[in-house]
Amino acid sequence: MGTIRIVVANELWSYRDVLAAALSCLRPEAQVVSVEPDELDVEIARLMPHLVLCSKLTAAVESVPGWVVLYPGHETRAEICIGGERQTVADVQFDSLLGVVDSIKRHTRLGVVPSL
């Protein structure tokens, strides 16, 4: 089954680092990597993550089984996609992000999301 891989690449490095640290602490079974937003597409190809948290949607991000675009256009919302199912969440909270991680883990166990 493998370890769920999460790449965190949202703007504001301090927020990115806090998210990555909190996810690592609360989901210790996950491999969480924080990367600069400008390096995200390259890191997606290298790491093959199951989930990406970022600030900007790209074709590379859309190729990942799960992604969250935090505060697109500096609005207080998030765009979330899990296995092709998209939704918009107003004023996203950290527990919602943990829920996305847990959903991706469930999909991984079921074989929906590829694992190394």
Protein backbone atom coordinates (compact mmCIF):
# COMPACT_ATOMS: atom_id res chain seq x y z
CA MET A 1 0.00 0.00 0.00
CA GLY A 2 2.84 2.45 0.75
CA THR A 3 2.92 5.77 2.52
CA ILE A 4 0.68 8.64 1.53
CA ARG A 5 2.81 11.44 0.11
CA ILE A 6 1.73 15.06 0.63
CA VAL A 7 3.38 18.09 -0.95
CA VAL A 8 2.68 21.48 0.63
CA ALA A 9 3.50 24.40 -1.68
CA ASN A 10 1.19 27.26 -0.81
CA GLU A 11 2.25 30.89 -0.68
CA LEU A 12 3.49 32.48 2.47
CA TRP A 13 6.36 30.25 3.56
CA SER A 14 5.46 30.61 7.23
CA TYR A 15 1.94 29.30 6.64
CA ARG A 16 3.33 26.53 4.40
CA ASP A 17 5.82 25.41 7.06
CA VAL A 18 3.18 25.44 9.81
CA LEU A 19 0.80 23.37 7.65
CA ALA A 20 3.53 20.87 6.82
CA ALA A 21 4.60 20.56 10.45
CA ALA A 22 1.03 20.18 11.70
CA LEU A 23 0.22 17.54 9.08
CA SER A 24 3.41 15.63 9.96
CA CYS A 25 2.56 15.75 13.64
CA LEU A 26 -1.13 14.82 13.33
CA ARG A 27 -0.68 12.28 10.51
CA PRO A 28 2.74 10.75 11.32
CA GLU A 29 2.17 7.93 8.83
CA ALA A 30 2.25 10.48 5.99
CA GLN A 31 5.36 11.68 4.20
CA VAL A 32 4.95 15.47 4.12
CA VAL A 33 7.26 17.64 2.04
CA SER A 34 7.24 21.44 1.92
CA VAL A 35 8.41 22.97 -1.38
CA GLU A 36 8.58 26.41 -2.92
CA PRO A 37 5.55 27.14 -5.14
CA ASP A 38 7.83 27.81 -8.13
CA GLU A 39 9.25 24.28 -7.79
CA LEU A 40 5.90 22.51 -7.42
CA ASP A 41 5.51 21.07 -10.92
CA VAL A 42 9.04 19.61 -10.86
CA GLU A 43 8.48 18.17 -7.38
CA ILE A 44 5.19 16.59 -8.44
CA ALA A 45 7.02 14.70 -11.20
CA ARG A 46 9.78 13.68 -8.79
CA LEU A 47 7.73 12.77 -5.70
CA MET A 48 4.50 11.50 -7.28
CA PRO A 49 2.39 12.75 -4.35
CA HIS A 50 -1.10 11.58 -3.51
CA LEU A 51 -2.09 15.05 -2.28
CA VAL A 52 -0.93 18.61 -3.00
CA LEU A 53 -1.77 21.72 -0.98
CA CYS A 54 -0.96 24.82 -3.00
CA SER A 55 -2.02 28.34 -3.97
CA LYS A 56 -2.24 27.95 -7.75
CA LEU A 57 -3.76 25.24 -9.90
CA THR A 58 -1.54 23.94 -12.72
CA ALA A 59 -1.82 21.00 -15.10
CA ALA A 60 0.70 19.12 -12.96
CA VAL A 61 -1.40 19.73 -9.83
CA GLU A 62 -4.52 18.54 -11.65
CA SER A 63 -2.73 15.27 -12.48
CA VAL A 64 -2.43 14.42 -8.75
CA PRO A 65 -5.19 12.23 -7.24
CA GLY A 66 -5.99 14.83 -4.58
CA TRP A 67 -5.32 18.54 -4.33
CA VAL A 68 -6.36 21.62 -2.40
CA VAL A 69 -5.90 25.14 -3.74
CA LEU A 70 -5.89 27.39 -0.68
CA TYR A 71 -7.27 30.91 -0.98
CA PRO A 72 -7.35 31.20 -4.79
CA GLY A 73 -7.38 34.83 -5.85
CA HIS A 74 -6.81 35.74 -2.18
CA GLU A 75 -10.41 34.78 -1.38
CA THR A 76 -11.35 33.01 1.86
CA ARG A 77 -12.14 29.70 0.23
CA ALA A 78 -10.45 26.54 -0.98
CA GLU A 79 -10.94 24.40 -4.05
CA ILE A 80 -10.69 20.72 -3.19
CA CYS A 81 -10.46 17.74 -5.52
CA ILE A 82 -10.36 14.11 -4.44
CA GLY A 83 -10.31 11.48 -7.17
CA GLY A 84 -11.73 13.89 -9.74
CA GLU A 85 -14.58 15.09 -7.50
CA ARG A 86 -14.28 18.86 -7.04
CA GLN A 87 -15.84 21.13 -4.46
CA THR A 88 -15.39 24.64 -3.14
CA VAL A 89 -15.27 25.22 0.61
CA ALA A 90 -15.77 28.69 2.06
CA ASP A 91 -13.45 29.70 4.89
CA VAL A 92 -11.59 26.37 4.98
CA GLN A 93 -10.45 25.18 8.42
CA PHE A 94 -7.53 22.92 9.32
CA ASP A 95 -9.84 20.04 10.28
CA SER A 96 -11.18 20.12 6.71
CA LEU A 97 -7.62 19.63 5.44
CA LEU A 98 -7.18 16.68 7.79
CA GLY A 99 -10.40 15.27 6.37
CA VAL A 100 -8.97 15.54 2.86
CA VAL A 101 -5.83 13.68 3.99
CA ASP A 102 -7.98 10.95 5.53
CA SER A 103 -10.08 10.68 2.34
CA ILE A 104 -6.96 10.28 0.23
CA LYS A 105 -5.71 7.59 2.65
CA ARG A 106 -8.99 5.69 2.25
CA HIS A 107 -8.74 5.91 -1.54
CA THR A 108 -5.15 4.67 -1.37
CA ARG A 109 -6.18 1.62 0.66
CA LEU A 110 -8.88 0.85 -1.87
CA GLY A 111 -6.41 0.99 -4.73
CA VAL A 112 -7.99 4.05 -6.35
CA VAL A 113 -4.86 6.15 -5.85
CA PRO A 114 -1.59 4.68 -7.16
CA SER A 115 1.08 4.02 -4.58
CA LEU A 116 4.81 3.35 -5.00
